[in-house]
Amino acid sequence: MAKRIVPRLPKSLRDAMSNEYLANEAEYWKIRNRLMAQYQGKWVAFHKGRVISCSDDFVSVMDEAGRNGCPMAYIDQVGQEGMMEFRSRRVTFRYDQSYVPTALPRAEVTFRNFFQIHQQTFNDVIPDTGSDLSVLSANDSNALNLLSGPRFAATLGGIGGQSALCVVCRAYAEVGGRQFSALVQVVVGQSERLLGREVLNQVIVTFDGPKGHVTFDV
């Protein structure tokens, strides 16, 4: 069943959304029933009372909204609003022996926001094959100004059936001097940084537990 997520976001995330974005979200829901006739099942970017982008692929909708100078557009799937749930599952490898209770791999990753104006380099990012998308904290998001670009609210599900609300932002991740398209989930209370499969699937990654190496063929 479709659900309106933005009003239920953690206060810190909701307050970080611009007034323009919130206005687009409110206007969308006012005319949502009318949009159903033409766009049901499609991902759309809604800005200033009209649909400015439409596709079966939410990434292309996010990119088009940003390229067209409308990063504050409200993005959702018509008729299935709020139903997209990303999974985050921990796969642990023996690399960082100082990590307790179980060692795991880490990588140095530079994240950039959609407009590639702000960037941050972290040397403790966990390459996580079980995470659909990359994950950063709200503080990381603020430093990168991720919410200046296209985004949408979603649910992050984890082990044991627990879930949390998050905001998915269009971004970029650089590993070993090569830049990749990324989708970053911003999660309040998140303490670890994850590099998800949306990036890992774009490159050959070798996990060598005995040697304690994780290698990106860039």
Protein backbone atom coordinates (compact mmCIF):
# COMPACT_ATOMS: atom_id res chain seq x y z
CA MET A 1 0.00 0.00 0.00
CA ALA A 2 1.30 3.44 -0.93
CA LYS A 3 2.48 5.53 2.00
CA ARG A 4 3.65 9.08 2.50
CA ILE A 5 7.12 8.87 4.05
CA VAL A 6 8.44 12.45 4.17
CA PRO A 7 6.25 13.62 7.10
CA ARG A 8 7.41 10.56 9.10
CA LEU A 9 11.14 11.04 8.54
CA PRO A 10 13.29 11.57 11.64
CA LYS A 11 13.10 15.26 12.56
CA SER A 12 16.74 15.97 11.70
CA LEU A 13 16.28 14.59 8.17
CA ARG A 14 12.90 16.25 7.67
CA ASP A 15 14.28 19.63 8.80
CA ALA A 16 17.16 19.26 6.32
CA MET A 17 14.77 19.02 3.37
CA SER A 18 14.36 22.42 1.71
CA ASN A 19 11.07 24.33 1.78
CA GLU A 20 10.96 24.04 -2.01
CA TYR A 21 11.19 20.26 -1.83
CA LEU A 22 8.52 20.07 0.88
CA ALA A 23 6.25 22.32 -1.19
CA ASN A 24 6.66 20.03 -4.21
CA GLU A 25 5.92 16.98 -2.04
CA ALA A 26 2.75 18.57 -0.63
CA GLU A 27 1.52 19.68 -4.05
CA TYR A 28 2.16 16.22 -5.51
CA TRP A 29 -0.07 14.57 -2.93
CA LYS A 30 -2.84 17.10 -3.57
CA ILE A 31 -3.13 15.99 -7.20
CA ARG A 32 -1.79 12.47 -6.85
CA ASN A 33 -5.11 10.84 -7.83
CA ARG A 34 -5.12 12.78 -11.10
CA LEU A 35 -1.56 11.70 -11.86
CA MET A 36 -2.53 8.05 -11.43
CA ALA A 37 -4.41 7.99 -14.75
CA GLN A 38 -1.32 8.83 -16.80
CA TYR A 39 1.67 7.83 -14.72
CA GLN A 40 0.68 4.86 -12.56
CA GLY A 41 3.69 2.61 -11.97
CA LYS A 42 6.15 5.17 -13.35
CA TRP A 43 8.84 7.02 -11.44
CA VAL A 44 8.31 10.77 -11.76
CA ALA A 45 9.99 14.00 -10.72
CA PHE A 46 7.34 16.55 -9.75
CA HIS A 47 8.25 20.24 -9.66
CA LYS A 48 6.11 23.36 -9.38
CA GLY A 49 2.86 21.60 -10.13
CA ARG A 50 3.91 19.39 -13.03
CA VAL A 51 5.79 16.23 -13.92
CA ILE A 52 9.19 17.18 -15.35
CA SER A 53 10.59 13.66 -15.78
CA CYS A 54 9.09 10.19 -16.11
CA SER A 55 10.70 6.75 -16.45
CA ASP A 56 10.61 3.14 -15.28
CA ASP A 57 14.06 3.79 -13.77
CA PHE A 58 14.30 6.03 -10.70
CA VAL A 59 18.00 6.77 -11.28
CA SER A 60 17.34 8.32 -14.70
CA VAL A 61 14.54 10.41 -13.19
CA MET A 62 16.88 11.68 -10.47
CA ASP A 63 19.59 12.52 -13.01
CA GLU A 64 17.24 14.31 -15.39
CA ALA A 65 15.75 16.41 -12.59
CA GLY A 66 19.22 17.44 -11.47
CA ARG A 67 20.50 18.19 -14.97
CA ASN A 68 17.43 20.31 -15.69
CA GLY A 69 18.10 22.51 -12.67
CA CYS A 70 15.34 21.02 -10.52
CA PRO A 71 17.17 19.13 -7.73
CA MET A 72 14.37 19.99 -5.31
CA ALA A 73 11.78 18.07 -7.33
CA TYR A 74 9.74 15.50 -5.42
CA ILE A 75 10.57 12.01 -6.74
CA ASP A 76 8.41 8.94 -6.22
CA GLN A 77 6.73 6.01 -7.97
CA VAL A 78 3.14 6.90 -8.80
CA GLY A 79 0.69 4.55 -7.14
CA GLN A 80 3.45 2.82 -5.18
CA GLU A 81 4.74 5.79 -3.21
CA GLY A 82 7.01 4.89 -0.33
CA MET A 83 7.03 1.20 -1.25
CA MET A 84 10.66 0.98 -2.35
CA GLU A 85 12.63 -0.73 0.42
CA PHE A 86 16.37 -1.19 0.22
CA ARG A 87 18.10 -3.95 2.10
CA SER A 88 21.30 -3.71 4.10
CA ARG A 89 22.90 -7.01 5.10
CA ARG A 90 26.29 -7.37 6.73
CA VAL A 91 28.84 -9.65 5.07
CA THR A 92 31.97 -9.79 7.24
CA PHE A 93 35.48 -10.64 6.05
CA ARG A 94 38.77 -10.99 7.94
CA TYR A 95 40.67 -7.82 7.10
CA ASP A 96 40.66 -5.12 9.78
CA GLN A 97 41.91 -7.13 12.74
CA SER A 98 41.27 -4.22 15.13
CA TYR A 99 37.54 -4.37 14.47
CA VAL A 100 35.58 -6.03 17.26
CA PRO A 101 34.04 -8.57 17.41
CA THR A 102 34.91 -9.77 13.88
CA ALA A 103 37.48 -8.44 11.41
CA LEU A 104 36.19 -6.89 8.17
CA PRO A 105 37.47 -5.14 5.01
CA ARG A 106 37.66 -1.39 4.67
CA ALA A 107 38.42 0.87 1.70
CA GLU A 108 39.27 4.51 1.07
CA VAL A 109 36.41 6.13 -0.80
CA THR A 110 35.80 9.72 -1.84
CA PHE A 111 32.11 10.64 -2.00
CA ARG A 112 30.86 13.65 -3.97
CA ASN A 113 27.39 15.17 -4.12
CA PHE A 114 25.36 15.28 -7.34
CA PHE A 115 26.81 18.62 -8.44
CA GLN A 116 30.35 17.45 -7.48
CA ILE A 117 30.94 20.64 -5.52
CA HIS A 118 31.46 19.05 -2.11
CA GLN A 119 33.52 15.95 -1.42
CA GLN A 120 34.73 13.96 1.56
CA THR A 121 37.28 11.15 1.68
CA PHE A 122 36.80 8.37 4.24
CA ASN A 123 39.30 5.57 4.87
CA ASP A 124 36.93 3.39 6.88
CA VAL A 125 34.24 2.57 4.30
CA ILE A 126 33.05 -1.05 4.41
CA PRO A 127 32.57 -2.68 0.97
CA ASP A 128 29.28 -4.45 1.73
CA THR A 129 27.99 -6.90 -0.88
CA GLY A 130 24.83 -7.33 1.17
CA SER A 131 23.83 -3.67 1.02
CA ASP A 132 21.72 -2.65 -1.97
CA LEU A 133 22.99 0.94 -1.81
CA SER A 134 25.77 2.85 -0.09
CA VAL A 135 25.07 4.26 3.37
CA LEU A 136 26.36 7.39 5.13
CA SER A 137 25.39 9.18 8.32
CA ALA A 138 23.38 12.38 8.55
CA ASN A 139 26.58 14.21 9.58
CA ASP A 140 28.35 12.92 6.46
CA SER A 141 25.40 14.05 4.38
CA ASN A 142 25.60 17.54 5.83
CA ALA A 143 29.33 17.76 5.11
CA LEU A 144 28.73 16.66 1.51
CA ASN A 145 25.55 18.71 1.09
CA LEU A 146 23.92 15.62 -0.41
CA LEU A 147 20.45 17.09 -0.03
CA SER A 148 21.31 19.81 -2.55
CA GLY A 149 20.77 17.22 -5.29
CA PRO A 150 17.98 14.85 -6.34
CA ARG A 151 16.68 12.60 -3.58
CA PHE A 152 13.66 10.63 -2.38
CA ALA A 153 12.51 9.16 0.91
CA ALA A 154 12.52 5.38 1.34
CA THR A 155 12.74 2.55 3.86
CA LEU A 156 15.93 0.78 4.86
CA GLY A 157 15.35 -2.80 6.00
CA GLY A 158 17.91 -4.78 7.93
CA ILE A 159 18.56 -8.09 9.60
CA GLY A 160 15.77 -9.35 11.83
CA GLY A 161 13.07 -7.44 10.00
CA GLN A 162 13.90 -4.09 11.59
CA SER A 163 13.61 -1.08 9.33
CA ALA A 164 14.25 2.66 9.40
CA LEU A 165 13.29 5.59 7.25
CA CYS A 166 16.02 7.14 5.14
CA VAL A 167 16.63 9.54 2.27
CA VAL A 168 18.26 8.20 -0.92
CA CYS A 169 20.52 10.78 -2.61
CA ARG A 170 22.12 10.80 -6.05
CA ALA A 171 25.90 11.01 -5.65
CA TYR A 172 29.27 9.75 -6.84
CA ALA A 173 31.94 7.55 -5.24
CA GLU A 174 35.62 7.49 -6.23
CA VAL A 175 37.86 4.49 -5.55
CA GLY A 176 41.48 4.36 -6.68
CA GLY A 177 41.09 7.44 -8.86
CA ARG A 178 38.04 6.11 -10.74
CA GLN A 179 34.64 7.66 -10.20
CA PHE A 180 31.42 5.64 -10.08
CA SER A 181 27.75 6.53 -10.07
CA ALA A 182 26.37 6.09 -6.56
CA LEU A 183 23.13 6.15 -4.59
CA VAL A 184 23.63 7.04 -0.95
CA GLN A 185 21.15 6.28 1.80
CA VAL A 186 21.30 8.90 4.56
CA VAL A 187 20.38 7.28 7.87
CA VAL A 188 20.00 9.03 11.23
CA GLY A 189 22.01 7.27 13.94
CA GLN A 190 24.17 5.42 11.41
CA SER A 191 27.74 5.03 12.67
CA GLU A 192 29.34 2.95 9.89
CA ARG A 193 29.89 3.90 6.26
CA LEU A 194 29.00 1.31 3.62
CA LEU A 195 29.87 1.04 -0.06
CA GLY A 196 26.91 -0.82 -1.54
CA ARG A 197 26.31 -3.01 -4.57
CA GLU A 198 25.18 -0.07 -6.73
CA VAL A 199 28.91 0.81 -6.80
CA LEU A 200 30.47 -2.65 -6.32
CA ASN A 201 28.57 -4.02 -9.34
CA GLN A 202 30.37 -1.51 -11.58
CA VAL A 203 33.86 -2.88 -10.87
CA ILE A 204 35.69 -6.15 -10.24
CA VAL A 205 36.32 -6.47 -6.50
CA THR A 206 38.41 -9.27 -5.02
CA PHE A 207 38.13 -10.14 -1.33
CA ASP A 208 41.23 -12.07 -0.23
CA GLY A 209 40.66 -13.02 3.38
CA PRO A 210 43.88 -15.00 3.96
CA LYS A 211 46.01 -12.08 2.76
CA GLY A 212 43.73 -9.48 4.29
CA HIS A 213 43.32 -7.56 1.01
CA VAL A 214 40.30 -6.16 -0.77
CA THR A 215 41.25 -5.20 -4.35
CA PHE A 216 39.32 -2.97 -6.75
CA ASP A 217 40.31 -3.45 -10.42
CA VAL A 218 39.99 0.17 -11.51
